[in-house]
Amino acid sequence: MSHRPGRLAEAIKQEVAQMIREELKDPRLGFATVTRVEVSQDLRYAKIFISVLGDEEQQSSSIKALERAAGFVRSELGRRIRLRYTPEIVFKLDQSIAQGSRVLQLLNKVMDGSESDDQS
């Protein structure tokens, strides 16, 4: 099994994170973070998972802004990472951080409830 897709995914993650931070100036783009990248075995496709701070509307507009910038991002990746083929990129909203936060809130609520029951 090749380690190449994993290495390429990490390189793409670093480059796209830098582009979002420093080069993409779309006002619709909120506080976005690249959480992970999945690259197909043939290195032709890359899914870039983005976590966006804010409500659903902000998340949606940030993903739309990134989709509009996908051509620029792909051409920059081709320039920065020397590959025979630059992968087709797709941006996906990563909900895992929000879900994790929700689970923590629920756990805290359950723990607070059990502590008050013990004191009675």
PDB file of N, CA and C in Angstrom:
ATOM      1  N   MET A   1       0.836  -1.185   0.000  1.00  0.00           N
ATOM      2  CA  MET A   1       0.000   0.000   0.000  1.00  0.00           C
ATOM      3  C   MET A   1       0.882   1.250   0.000  1.00  0.00           C
ATOM      4  N   SER A   2       0.515   2.202  -0.808  1.00  0.00           N
ATOM      5  CA  SER A   2       1.306   3.411  -0.961  1.00  0.00           C
ATOM      6  C   SER A   2       0.959   4.446   0.114  1.00  0.00           C
ATOM      7  N   HIS A   3       1.978   5.173   0.554  1.00  0.00           N
ATOM      8  CA  HIS A   3       1.764   6.268   1.504  1.00  0.00           C
ATOM      9  C   HIS A   3       1.542   7.583   0.774  1.00  0.00           C
ATOM     10  N   ARG A   4       1.620   7.542  -0.539  1.00  0.00           N
ATOM     11  CA  ARG A   4       1.557   8.768  -1.327  1.00  0.00           C
ATOM     12  C   ARG A   4       0.257   9.551  -1.155  1.00  0.00           C
ATOM     13  N   PRO A   5      -0.923   8.912  -1.191  1.00  0.00           N
ATOM     14  CA  PRO A   5      -2.145   9.703  -0.991  1.00  0.00           C
ATOM     15  C   PRO A   5      -2.156  10.444   0.351  1.00  0.00           C
ATOM     16  N   GLY A   6      -1.657   9.813   1.391  1.00  0.00           N
ATOM     17  CA  GLY A   6      -1.606  10.456   2.705  1.00  0.00           C
ATOM     18  C   GLY A   6      -0.662  11.643   2.729  1.00  0.00           C
ATOM     19  N   ARG A   7       0.507  11.479   2.103  1.00  0.00           N
ATOM     20  CA  ARG A   7       1.468  12.587   2.046  1.00  0.00           C
ATOM     21  C   ARG A   7       0.908  13.733   1.214  1.00  0.00           C
ATOM     22  N   LEU A   8       0.270  13.404   0.084  1.00  0.00           N
ATOM     23  CA  LEU A   8      -0.319  14.434  -0.765  1.00  0.00           C
ATOM     24  C   LEU A   8      -1.449  15.141  -0.023  1.00  0.00           C
ATOM     25  N   ALA A   9      -2.274  14.390   0.705  1.00  0.00           N
ATOM     26  CA  ALA A   9      -3.379  14.983   1.470  1.00  0.00           C
ATOM     27  C   ALA A   9      -2.838  15.993   2.484  1.00  0.00           C
ATOM     28  N   GLU A  10      -1.758  15.649   3.163  1.00  0.00           N
ATOM     29  CA  GLU A  10      -1.177  16.553   4.154  1.00  0.00           C
ATOM     30  C   GLU A  10      -0.623  17.813   3.482  1.00  0.00           C
ATOM     31  N   ALA A  11       0.028  17.654   2.335  1.00  0.00           N
ATOM     32  CA  ALA A  11       0.563  18.808   1.604  1.00  0.00           C
ATOM     33  C   ALA A  11      -0.571  19.719   1.135  1.00  0.00           C
ATOM     34  N   ILE A  12      -1.638  19.116   0.615  1.00  0.00           N
ATOM     35  CA  ILE A  12      -2.792  19.907   0.164  1.00  0.00           C
ATOM     36  C   ILE A  12      -3.404  20.646   1.345  1.00  0.00           C
ATOM     37  N   LYS A  13      -3.532  19.962   2.475  1.00  0.00           N
ATOM     38  CA  LYS A  13      -4.119  20.576   3.671  1.00  0.00           C
ATOM     39  C   LYS A  13      -3.332  21.826   4.071  1.00  0.00           C
ATOM     40  N   GLN A  14      -2.024  21.722   4.103  1.00  0.00           N
ATOM     41  CA  GLN A  14      -1.188  22.859   4.502  1.00  0.00           C
ATOM     42  C   GLN A  14      -1.301  24.007   3.506  1.00  0.00           C
ATOM     43  N   GLU A  15      -1.243  23.694   2.218  1.00  0.00           N
ATOM     44  CA  GLU A  15      -1.290  24.744   1.193  1.00  0.00           C
ATOM     45  C   GLU A  15      -2.650  25.438   1.161  1.00  0.00           C
ATOM     46  N   VAL A  16      -3.734  24.675   1.226  1.00  0.00           N
ATOM     47  CA  VAL A  16      -5.078  25.268   1.177  1.00  0.00           C
ATOM     48  C   VAL A  16      -5.318  26.107   2.433  1.00  0.00           C
ATOM     49  N   ALA A  17      -4.873  25.627   3.590  1.00  0.00           N
ATOM     50  CA  ALA A  17      -5.019  26.401   4.829  1.00  0.00           C
ATOM     51  C   ALA A  17      -4.308  27.747   4.692  1.00  0.00           C
ATOM     52  N   GLN A  18      -3.124  27.732   4.112  1.00  0.00           N
ATOM     53  CA  GLN A  18      -2.378  28.986   3.915  1.00  0.00           C
ATOM     54  C   GLN A  18      -3.114  29.901   2.934  1.00  0.00           C
ATOM     55  N   MET A  19      -3.658  29.330   1.850  1.00  0.00           N
ATOM     56  CA  MET A  19      -4.398  30.142   0.885  1.00  0.00           C
ATOM     57  C   MET A  19      -5.621  30.790   1.528  1.00  0.00           C
ATOM     58  N   ILE A  20      -6.354  30.021   2.336  1.00  0.00           N
ATOM     59  CA  ILE A  20      -7.541  30.566   2.998  1.00  0.00           C
ATOM     60  C   ILE A  20      -7.135  31.700   3.940  1.00  0.00           C
ATOM     61  N   ARG A  21      -6.059  31.494   4.655  1.00  0.00           N
ATOM     62  CA  ARG A  21      -5.591  32.485   5.629  1.00  0.00           C
ATOM     63  C   ARG A  21      -5.083  33.758   4.965  1.00  0.00           C
ATOM     64  N   GLU A  22      -4.311  33.608   3.887  1.00  0.00           N
ATOM     65  CA  GLU A  22      -3.553  34.745   3.366  1.00  0.00           C
ATOM     66  C   GLU A  22      -3.994  35.263   2.003  1.00  0.00           C
ATOM     67  N   GLU A  23      -4.606  34.437   1.161  1.00  0.00           N
ATOM     68  CA  GLU A  23      -4.805  34.858  -0.214  1.00  0.00           C
ATOM     69  C   GLU A  23      -6.254  35.029  -0.645  1.00  0.00           C
ATOM     70  N   LEU A  24      -7.159  34.260  -0.083  1.00  0.00           N
ATOM     71  CA  LEU A  24      -8.561  34.375  -0.491  1.00  0.00           C
ATOM     72  C   LEU A  24      -9.198  35.528   0.276  1.00  0.00           C
ATOM     73  N   LYS A  25      -9.656  36.529  -0.450  1.00  0.00           N
ATOM     74  CA  LYS A  25     -10.173  37.744   0.183  1.00  0.00           C
ATOM     75  C   LYS A  25     -11.669  37.916  -0.025  1.00  0.00           C
ATOM     76  N   ASP A  26     -12.388  36.832  -0.267  1.00  0.00           N
ATOM     77  CA  ASP A  26     -13.830  36.897  -0.460  1.00  0.00           C
ATOM     78  C   ASP A  26     -14.495  37.262   0.870  1.00  0.00           C
ATOM     79  N   PRO A  27     -15.312  38.322   0.897  1.00  0.00           N
ATOM     80  CA  PRO A  27     -15.940  38.726   2.163  1.00  0.00           C
ATOM     81  C   PRO A  27     -16.917  37.681   2.719  1.00  0.00           C
ATOM     82  N   ARG A  28     -17.418  36.794   1.865  1.00  0.00           N
ATOM     83  CA  ARG A  28     -18.340  35.751   2.334  1.00  0.00           C
ATOM     84  C   ARG A  28     -17.612  34.660   3.105  1.00  0.00           C
ATOM     85  N   LEU A  29     -16.306  34.596   2.930  1.00  0.00           N
ATOM     86  CA  LEU A  29     -15.508  33.554   3.576  1.00  0.00           C
ATOM     87  C   LEU A  29     -15.306  33.915   5.042  1.00  0.00           C
ATOM     88  N   GLY A  30     -15.938  33.154   5.919  1.00  0.00           N
ATOM     89  CA  GLY A  30     -15.839  33.411   7.355  1.00  0.00           C
ATOM     90  C   GLY A  30     -14.568  32.809   7.928  1.00  0.00           C
ATOM     91  N   PHE A  31     -14.628  32.512   9.211  1.00  0.00           N
ATOM     92  CA  PHE A  31     -13.487  31.900   9.888  1.00  0.00           C
ATOM     93  C   PHE A  31     -13.488  30.412   9.560  1.00  0.00           C
ATOM     94  N   ALA A  32     -12.740  30.040   8.523  1.00  0.00           N
ATOM     95  CA  ALA A  32     -12.739  28.667   8.020  1.00  0.00           C
ATOM     96  C   ALA A  32     -11.408  27.990   8.332  1.00  0.00           C
ATOM     97  N   THR A  33     -11.487  26.706   8.653  1.00  0.00           N
ATOM     98  CA  THR A  33     -10.310  25.908   8.972  1.00  0.00           C
ATOM     99  C   THR A  33     -10.367  24.606   8.170  1.00  0.00           C
ATOM    100  N   VAL A  34      -9.242  24.225   7.599  1.00  0.00           N
ATOM    101  CA  VAL A  34      -9.168  22.940   6.906  1.00  0.00           C
ATOM    102  C   VAL A  34      -8.972  21.872   7.976  1.00  0.00           C
ATOM    103  N   THR A  35      -9.939  20.948   8.092  1.00  0.00           N
ATOM    104  CA  THR A  35      -9.830  19.928   9.132  1.00  0.00           C
ATOM    105  C   THR A  35      -9.157  18.665   8.630  1.00  0.00           C
ATOM    106  N   ARG A  36      -9.453  18.282   7.386  1.00  0.00           N
ATOM    107  CA  ARG A  36      -8.772  17.116   6.818  1.00  0.00           C
ATOM    108  C   ARG A  36      -8.955  17.109   5.302  1.00  0.00           C
ATOM    109  N   VAL A  37      -8.132  16.304   4.648  1.00  0.00           N
ATOM    110  CA  VAL A  37      -8.193  16.143   3.196  1.00  0.00           C
ATOM    111  C   VAL A  37      -8.141  14.660   2.896  1.00  0.00           C
ATOM    112  N   GLU A  38      -9.027  14.211   2.017  1.00  0.00           N
ATOM    113  CA  GLU A  38      -9.009  12.820   1.555  1.00  0.00           C
ATOM    114  C   GLU A  38      -8.657  12.825   0.074  1.00  0.00           C
ATOM    115  N   VAL A  39      -7.635  12.057  -0.275  1.00  0.00           N
ATOM    116  CA  VAL A  39      -7.197  11.962  -1.668  1.00  0.00           C
ATOM    117  C   VAL A  39      -7.451  10.542  -2.153  1.00  0.00           C
ATOM    118  N   SER A  40      -8.000  10.426  -3.363  1.00  0.00           N
ATOM    119  CA  SER A  40      -8.264   9.093  -3.923  1.00  0.00           C
ATOM    120  C   SER A  40      -6.944   8.374  -4.195  1.00  0.00           C
ATOM    121  N   GLN A  41      -7.011   7.048  -4.276  1.00  0.00           N
ATOM    122  CA  GLN A  41      -5.796   6.243  -4.491  1.00  0.00           C
ATOM    123  C   GLN A  41      -5.064   6.629  -5.776  1.00  0.00           C
ATOM    124  N   ASP A  42      -5.830   7.029  -6.824  1.00  0.00           N
ATOM    125  CA  ASP A  42      -5.181   7.396  -8.090  1.00  0.00           C
ATOM    126  C   ASP A  42      -4.725   8.861  -8.108  1.00  0.00           C
ATOM    127  N   LEU A  43      -4.895   9.552  -6.989  1.00  0.00           N
ATOM    128  CA  LEU A  43      -4.453  10.946  -6.811  1.00  0.00           C
ATOM    129  C   LEU A  43      -5.180  11.934  -7.726  1.00  0.00           C
ATOM    130  N   ARG A  44      -6.320  11.545  -8.261  1.00  0.00           N
ATOM    131  CA  ARG A  44      -7.051  12.416  -9.200  1.00  0.00           C
ATOM    132  C   ARG A  44      -8.078  13.305  -8.516  1.00  0.00           C
ATOM    133  N   TYR A  45      -8.539  12.914  -7.326  1.00  0.00           N
ATOM    134  CA  TYR A  45      -9.603  13.650  -6.648  1.00  0.00           C
ATOM    135  C   TYR A  45      -9.217  13.915  -5.199  1.00  0.00           C
ATOM    136  N   ALA A  46      -9.582  15.098  -4.722  1.00  0.00           N
ATOM    137  CA  ALA A  46      -9.313  15.447  -3.329  1.00  0.00           C
ATOM    138  C   ALA A  46     -10.562  16.093  -2.734  1.00  0.00           C
ATOM    139  N   LYS A  47     -10.996  15.565  -1.591  1.00  0.00           N
ATOM    140  CA  LYS A  47     -12.089  16.174  -0.828  1.00  0.00           C
ATOM    141  C   LYS A  47     -11.435  16.962   0.290  1.00  0.00           C
ATOM    142  N   ILE A  48     -11.738  18.248   0.340  1.00  0.00           N
ATOM    143  CA  ILE A  48     -11.178  19.111   1.373  1.00  0.00           C
ATOM    144  C   ILE A  48     -12.295  19.451   2.349  1.00  0.00           C
ATOM    145  N   PHE A  49     -12.137  18.999   3.584  1.00  0.00           N
ATOM    146  CA  PHE A  49     -13.157  19.212   4.608  1.00  0.00           C
ATOM    147  C   PHE A  49     -12.844  20.498   5.370  1.00  0.00           C
ATOM    148  N   ILE A  50     -13.858  21.369   5.432  1.00  0.00           N
ATOM    149  CA  ILE A  50     -13.704  22.690   6.022  1.00  0.00           C
ATOM    150  C   ILE A  50     -14.660  22.836   7.201  1.00  0.00           C
ATOM    151  N   SER A  51     -14.132  23.332   8.310  1.00  0.00           N
ATOM    152  CA  SER A  51     -14.965  23.668   9.463  1.00  0.00           C
ATOM    153  C   SER A  51     -15.095  25.186   9.480  1.00  0.00           C
ATOM    154  N   VAL A  52     -16.334  25.678   9.608  1.00  0.00           N
ATOM    155  CA  VAL A  52     -16.579  27.119   9.595  1.00  0.00           C
ATOM    156  C   VAL A  52     -17.247  27.517  10.898  1.00  0.00           C
ATOM    157  N   LEU A  53     -16.675  28.516  11.553  1.00  0.00           N
ATOM    158  CA  LEU A  53     -17.245  29.037  12.783  1.00  0.00           C
ATOM    159  C   LEU A  53     -18.433  29.921  12.428  1.00  0.00           C
ATOM    160  N   GLY A  54     -19.575  29.669  13.055  1.00  0.00           N
ATOM    161  CA  GLY A  54     -20.741  30.507  12.792  1.00  0.00           C
ATOM    162  C   GLY A  54     -21.993  29.682  12.577  1.00  0.00           C
ATOM    163  N   ASP A  55     -23.072  30.375  12.233  1.00  0.00           N
ATOM    164  CA  ASP A  55     -24.348  29.692  12.029  1.00  0.00           C
ATOM    165  C   ASP A  55     -24.393  29.040  10.640  1.00  0.00           C
ATOM    166  N   GLU A  56     -25.516  28.388  10.343  1.00  0.00           N
ATOM    167  CA  GLU A  56     -25.647  27.657   9.072  1.00  0.00           C
ATOM    168  C   GLU A  56     -25.495  28.558   7.862  1.00  0.00           C
ATOM    169  N   GLU A  57     -26.012  29.782   7.957  1.00  0.00           N
ATOM    170  CA  GLU A  57     -25.911  30.719   6.831  1.00  0.00           C
ATOM    171  C   GLU A  57     -24.454  31.081   6.554  1.00  0.00           C
ATOM    172  N   GLN A  58     -23.687  31.346   7.601  1.00  0.00           N
ATOM    173  CA  GLN A  58     -22.268  31.669   7.439  1.00  0.00           C
ATOM    174  C   GLN A  58     -21.501  30.470   6.880  1.00  0.00           C
ATOM    175  N   GLN A  59     -21.838  29.275   7.358  1.00  0.00           N
ATOM    176  CA  GLN A  59     -21.177  28.069   6.868  1.00  0.00           C
ATOM    177  C   GLN A  59     -21.465  27.871   5.388  1.00  0.00           C
ATOM    178  N   SER A  60     -22.729  28.032   5.017  1.00  0.00           N
ATOM    179  CA  SER A  60     -23.144  27.858   3.632  1.00  0.00           C
ATOM    180  C   SER A  60     -22.464  28.881   2.715  1.00  0.00           C
ATOM    181  N   SER A  61     -22.432  30.144   3.128  1.00  0.00           N
ATOM    182  CA  SER A  61     -21.814  31.165   2.275  1.00  0.00           C
ATOM    183  C   SER A  61     -20.302  30.959   2.170  1.00  0.00           C
ATOM    184  N   SER A  62     -19.676  30.468   3.239  1.00  0.00           N
ATOM    185  CA  SER A  62     -18.230  30.200   3.188  1.00  0.00           C
ATOM    186  C   SER A  62     -17.915  29.064   2.217  1.00  0.00           C
ATOM    187  N   ILE A  63     -18.726  28.002   2.250  1.00  0.00           N
ATOM    188  CA  ILE A  63     -18.506  26.881   1.333  1.00  0.00           C
ATOM    189  C   ILE A  63     -18.730  27.337  -0.116  1.00  0.00           C
ATOM    190  N   LYS A  64     -19.759  28.165  -0.348  1.00  0.00           N
ATOM    191  CA  LYS A  64     -20.009  28.690  -1.703  1.00  0.00           C
ATOM    192  C   LYS A  64     -18.834  29.535  -2.184  1.00  0.00           C
ATOM    193  N   ALA A  65     -18.288  30.352  -1.294  1.00  0.00           N
ATOM    194  CA  ALA A  65     -17.132  31.186  -1.648  1.00  0.00           C
ATOM    195  C   ALA A  65     -15.940  30.306  -2.020  1.00  0.00           C
ATOM    196  N   LEU A  66     -15.727  29.228  -1.262  1.00  0.00           N
ATOM    197  CA  LEU A  66     -14.618  28.314  -1.567  1.00  0.00           C
ATOM    198  C   LEU A  66     -14.854  27.582  -2.883  1.00  0.00           C
ATOM    199  N   GLU A  67     -16.109  27.198  -3.140  1.00  0.00           N
ATOM    200  CA  GLU A  67     -16.410  26.523  -4.406  1.00  0.00           C
ATOM    201  C   GLU A  67     -16.132  27.442  -5.588  1.00  0.00           C
ATOM    202  N   ARG A  68     -16.445  28.730  -5.436  1.00  0.00           N
ATOM    203  CA  ARG A  68     -16.157  29.693  -6.509  1.00  0.00           C
ATOM    204  C   ARG A  68     -14.648  29.858  -6.716  1.00  0.00           C
ATOM    205  N   ALA A  69     -13.887  29.709  -5.647  1.00  0.00           N
ATOM    206  CA  ALA A  69     -12.429  29.874  -5.716  1.00  0.00           C
ATOM    207  C   ALA A  69     -11.712  28.563  -6.037  1.00  0.00           C
ATOM    208  N   ALA A  70     -12.460  27.487  -6.270  1.00  0.00           N
ATOM    209  CA  ALA A  70     -11.852  26.160  -6.467  1.00  0.00           C
ATOM    210  C   ALA A  70     -10.863  26.152  -7.636  1.00  0.00           C
ATOM    211  N   GLY A  71     -11.173  26.838  -8.721  1.00  0.00           N
ATOM    212  CA  GLY A  71     -10.263  26.889  -9.866  1.00  0.00           C
ATOM    213  C   GLY A  71      -8.937  27.536  -9.494  1.00  0.00           C
ATOM    214  N   PHE A  72      -9.010  28.656  -8.784  1.00  0.00           N
ATOM    215  CA  PHE A  72      -7.802  29.333  -8.328  1.00  0.00           C
ATOM    216  C   PHE A  72      -7.013  28.422  -7.384  1.00  0.00           C
ATOM    217  N   VAL A  73      -7.716  27.804  -6.446  1.00  0.00           N
ATOM    218  CA  VAL A  73      -7.052  26.933  -5.461  1.00  0.00           C
ATOM    219  C   VAL A  73      -6.359  25.779  -6.174  1.00  0.00           C
ATOM    220  N   ARG A  74      -7.044  25.177  -7.140  1.00  0.00           N
ATOM    221  CA  ARG A  74      -6.467  24.040  -7.869  1.00  0.00           C
ATOM    222  C   ARG A  74      -5.240  24.470  -8.673  1.00  0.00           C
ATOM    223  N   SER A  75      -5.326  25.618  -9.350  1.00  0.00           N
ATOM    224  CA  SER A  75      -4.169  26.065 -10.142  1.00  0.00           C
ATOM    225  C   SER A  75      -2.986  26.408  -9.238  1.00  0.00           C
ATOM    226  N   GLU A  76      -3.270  27.010  -8.074  1.00  0.00           N
ATOM    227  CA  GLU A  76      -2.193  27.303  -7.118  1.00  0.00           C
ATOM    228  C   GLU A  76      -1.571  26.020  -6.574  1.00  0.00           C
ATOM    229  N   LEU A  77      -2.413  25.020  -6.297  1.00  0.00           N
ATOM    230  CA  LEU A  77      -1.875  23.730  -5.840  1.00  0.00           C
ATOM    231  C   LEU A  77      -0.966  23.133  -6.902  1.00  0.00           C
ATOM    232  N   GLY A  78      -1.391  23.214  -8.165  1.00  0.00           N
ATOM    233  CA  GLY A  78      -0.574  22.696  -9.256  1.00  0.00           C
ATOM    234  C   GLY A  78       0.774  23.387  -9.346  1.00  0.00           C
ATOM    235  N   ARG A  79       0.790  24.681  -9.043  1.00  0.00           N
ATOM    236  CA  ARG A  79       2.027  25.441  -9.096  1.00  0.00           C
ATOM    237  C   ARG A  79       2.927  25.118  -7.897  1.00  0.00           C
ATOM    238  N   ARG A  80       2.316  24.931  -6.728  1.00  0.00           N
ATOM    239  CA  ARG A  80       3.096  24.737  -5.500  1.00  0.00           C
ATOM    240  C   ARG A  80       3.526  23.296  -5.268  1.00  0.00           C
ATOM    241  N   ILE A  81       2.683  22.346  -5.654  1.00  0.00           N
ATOM    242  CA  ILE A  81       3.003  20.925  -5.444  1.00  0.00           C
ATOM    243  C   ILE A  81       3.225  20.325  -6.827  1.00  0.00           C
ATOM    244  N   ARG A  82       4.401  19.888  -7.089  1.00  0.00           N
ATOM    245  CA  ARG A  82       4.722  19.366  -8.425  1.00  0.00           C
ATOM    246  C   ARG A  82       4.158  17.961  -8.608  1.00  0.00           C
ATOM    247  N   LEU A  83       3.118  17.872  -9.447  1.00  0.00           N
ATOM    248  CA  LEU A  83       2.455  16.602  -9.737  1.00  0.00           C
ATOM    249  C   LEU A  83       2.197  16.511 -11.232  1.00  0.00           C
ATOM    250  N   ARG A  84       2.074  15.296 -11.712  1.00  0.00           N
ATOM    251  CA  ARG A  84       1.705  15.114 -13.111  1.00  0.00           C
ATOM    252  C   ARG A  84       0.293  15.645 -13.340  1.00  0.00           C
ATOM    253  N   TYR A  85      -0.617  15.291 -12.430  1.00  0.00           N
ATOM    254  CA  TYR A  85      -1.998  15.771 -12.506  1.00  0.00           C
ATOM    255  C   TYR A  85      -2.357  16.435 -11.176  1.00  0.00           C
ATOM    256  N   THR A  86      -2.916  17.625 -11.277  1.00  0.00           N
ATOM    257  CA  THR A  86      -3.420  18.268 -10.064  1.00  0.00           C
ATOM    258  C   THR A  86      -4.811  17.705  -9.802  1.00  0.00           C
ATOM    259  N   PRO A  87      -5.078  17.237  -8.584  1.00  0.00           N
ATOM    260  CA  PRO A  87      -6.376  16.606  -8.328  1.00  0.00           C
ATOM    261  C   PRO A  87      -7.549  17.583  -8.474  1.00  0.00           C
ATOM    262  N   GLU A  88      -8.682  17.031  -8.912  1.00  0.00           N
ATOM    263  CA  GLU A  88      -9.938  17.791  -8.884  1.00  0.00           C
ATOM    264  C   GLU A  88     -10.278  17.965  -7.419  1.00  0.00           C
ATOM    265  N   ILE A  89     -10.661  19.185  -7.033  1.00  0.00           N
ATOM    266  CA  ILE A  89     -10.948  19.391  -5.617  1.00  0.00           C
ATOM    267  C   ILE A  89     -12.426  19.700  -5.384  1.00  0.00           C
ATOM    268  N   VAL A  90     -12.891  19.212  -4.254  1.00  0.00           N
ATOM    269  CA  VAL A  90     -14.275  19.436  -3.818  1.00  0.00           C
ATOM    270  C   VAL A  90     -14.201  19.863  -2.361  1.00  0.00           C
ATOM    271  N   PHE A  91     -14.916  20.937  -2.035  1.00  0.00           N
ATOM    272  CA  PHE A  91     -14.975  21.388  -0.648  1.00  0.00           C
ATOM    273  C   PHE A  91     -16.217  20.817   0.014  1.00  0.00           C
ATOM    274  N   LYS A  92     -16.050  20.274   1.213  1.00  0.00           N
ATOM    275  CA  LYS A  92     -17.156  19.705   1.989  1.00  0.00           C
ATOM    276  C   LYS A  92     -17.157  20.364   3.361  1.00  0.00           C
ATOM    277  N   LEU A  93     -18.358  20.658   3.855  1.00  0.00           N
ATOM    278  CA  LEU A  93     -18.481  21.230   5.191  1.00  0.00           C
ATOM    279  C   LEU A  93     -18.281  20.121   6.220  1.00  0.00           C
ATOM    280  N   ASP A  94     -17.360  20.334   7.145  1.00  0.00           N
ATOM    281  CA  ASP A  94     -17.077  19.356   8.196  1.00  0.00           C
ATOM    282  C   ASP A  94     -17.852  19.740   9.446  1.00  0.00           C
ATOM    283  N   GLN A  95     -18.811  18.917   9.811  1.00  0.00           N
ATOM    284  CA  GLN A  95     -19.656  19.185  10.971  1.00  0.00           C
ATOM    285  C   GLN A  95     -19.121  18.520  12.242  1.00  0.00           C
ATOM    286  N   SER A  96     -18.014  17.808  12.165  1.00  0.00           N
ATOM    287  CA  SER A  96     -17.562  17.004  13.303  1.00  0.00           C
ATOM    288  C   SER A  96     -17.255  17.842  14.541  1.00  0.00           C
ATOM    289  N   ILE A  97     -16.711  19.043  14.378  1.00  0.00           N
ATOM    290  CA  ILE A  97     -16.392  19.873  15.541  1.00  0.00           C
ATOM    291  C   ILE A  97     -17.683  20.314  16.224  1.00  0.00           C
ATOM    292  N   ALA A  98     -18.669  20.731  15.432  1.00  0.00           N
ATOM    293  CA  ALA A  98     -19.962  21.143  15.998  1.00  0.00           C
ATOM    294  C   ALA A  98     -20.641  19.961  16.685  1.00  0.00           C
ATOM    295  N   GLN A  99     -20.557  18.789  16.082  1.00  0.00           N
ATOM    296  CA  GLN A  99     -21.167  17.600  16.682  1.00  0.00           C
ATOM    297  C   GLN A  99     -20.459  17.237  17.984  1.00  0.00           C
ATOM    298  N   GLY A 100     -19.153  17.325  17.998  1.00  0.00           N
ATOM    299  CA  GLY A 100     -18.382  17.039  19.210  1.00  0.00           C
ATOM    300  C   GLY A 100     -18.733  18.004  20.330  1.00  0.00           C
ATOM    301  N   SER A 101     -18.882  19.265  19.973  1.00  0.00           N
ATOM    302  CA  SER A 101     -19.259  20.278  20.953  1.00  0.00           C
ATOM    303  C   SER A 101     -20.644  19.986  21.528  1.00  0.00           C
ATOM    304  N   ARG A 102     -21.563  19.581  20.665  1.00  0.00           N
ATOM    305  CA  ARG A 102     -22.932  19.247  21.099  1.00  0.00           C
ATOM    306  C   ARG A 102     -22.904  18.048  22.057  1.00  0.00           C
ATOM    307  N   VAL A 103     -22.114  17.037  21.744  1.00  0.00           N
ATOM    308  CA  VAL A 103     -22.002  15.862  22.615  1.00  0.00           C
ATOM    309  C   VAL A 103     -21.442  16.266  23.976  1.00  0.00           C
ATOM    310  N   LEU A 104     -20.426  17.138  23.980  1.00  0.00           N
ATOM    311  CA  LEU A 104     -19.863  17.600  25.251  1.00  0.00           C
ATOM    312  C   LEU A 104     -20.897  18.351  26.083  1.00  0.00           C
ATOM    313  N   GLN A 105     -21.696  19.191  25.417  1.00  0.00           N
ATOM    314  CA  GLN A 105     -22.749  19.910  26.137  1.00  0.00           C
ATOM    315  C   GLN A 105     -23.733  18.936  26.776  1.00  0.00           C
ATOM    316  N   LEU A 106     -24.132  17.925  25.993  1.00  0.00           N
ATOM    317  CA  LEU A 106     -25.076  16.936  26.514  1.00  0.00           C
ATOM    318  C   LEU A 106     -24.469  16.149  27.679  1.00  0.00           C
ATOM    319  N   LEU A 107     -23.203  15.764  27.553  1.00  0.00           N
ATOM    320  CA  LEU A 107     -22.536  15.044  28.639  1.00  0.00           C
ATOM    321  C   LEU A 107     -22.450  15.899  29.898  1.00  0.00           C
ATOM    322  N   ASN A 108     -22.114  17.176  29.717  1.00  0.00           N
ATOM    323  CA  ASN A 108     -22.038  18.076  30.870  1.00  0.00           C
ATOM    324  C   ASN A 108     -23.399  18.211  31.538  1.00  0.00           C
ATOM    325  N   LYS A 109     -24.449  18.288  30.727  1.00  0.00           N
ATOM    326  CA  LYS A 109     -25.811  18.402  31.262  1.00  0.00           C
ATOM    327  C   LYS A 109     -26.158  17.152  32.075  1.00  0.00           C
ATOM    328  N   VAL A 110     -25.810  15.988  31.541  1.00  0.00           N
ATOM    329  CA  VAL A 110     -26.084  14.727  32.232  1.00  0.00           C
ATOM    330  C   VAL A 110     -25.285  14.661  33.530  1.00  0.00           C
ATOM    331  N   MET A 111     -24.019  15.048  33.484  1.00  0.00           N
ATOM    332  CA  MET A 111     -23.171  15.012  34.687  1.00  0.00           C
ATOM    333  C   MET A 111     -23.693  15.980  35.744  1.00  0.00           C
ATOM    334  N   ASP A 112     -24.106  17.176  35.343  1.00  0.00           N
ATOM    335  CA  ASP A 112     -24.654  18.148  36.295  1.00  0.00           C
ATOM    336  C   ASP A 112     -25.931  17.601  36.933  1.00  0.00           C
ATOM    337  N   GLY A 113     -26.745  16.935  36.152  1.00  0.00           N
ATOM    338  CA  GLY A 113     -27.990  16.344  36.654  1.00  0.00           C
ATOM    339  C   GLY A 113     -27.723  15.244  37.660  1.00  0.00           C
ATOM    340  N   SER A 114     -26.728  14.390  37.409  1.00  0.00           N
ATOM    341  CA  SER A 114     -26.435  13.284  38.316  1.00  0.00           C
ATOM    342  C   SER A 114     -25.811  13.787  39.613  1.00  0.00           C
ATOM    343  N   GLU A 115     -25.030  14.872  39.564  1.00  0.00           N
ATOM    344  CA  GLU A 115     -24.426  15.429  40.775  1.00  0.00           C
ATOM    345  C   GLU A 115     -25.506  16.000  41.676  1.00  0.00           C
ATOM    346  N   SER A 116     -26.494  16.674  41.104  1.00  0.00           N
ATOM    347  CA  SER A 116     -27.552  17.253  41.927  1.00  0.00           C
ATOM    348  C   SER A 116     -28.416  16.151  42.525  1.00  0.00           C
ATOM    349  N   ASP A 117     -28.576  15.007  41.836  1.00  0.00           N
ATOM    350  CA  ASP A 117     -29.329  13.885  42.373  1.00  0.00           C
ATOM    351  C   ASP A 117     -28.616  13.256  43.566  1.00  0.00           C
ATOM    352  N   ASP A 118     -27.267  13.192  43.518  1.00  0.00           N
ATOM    353  CA  ASP A 118     -26.487  12.591  44.586  1.00  0.00           C
ATOM    354  C   ASP A 118     -26.587  13.393  45.875  1.00  0.00           C
ATOM    355  N   GLN A 119     -26.761  14.712  45.775  1.00  0.00           N
ATOM    356  CA  GLN A 119     -26.753  15.582  46.938  1.00  0.00           C
ATOM    357  C   GLN A 119     -28.100  15.562  47.669  1.00  0.00           C
ATOM    358  N   SER A 120     -29.159  15.102  47.048  1.00  0.00           N
ATOM    359  CA  SER A 120     -30.479  15.121  47.674  1.00  0.00           C
ATOM    360  C   SER A 120     -30.584  14.105  48.778  1.00  0.00           C
TER     361      SER A 120
END
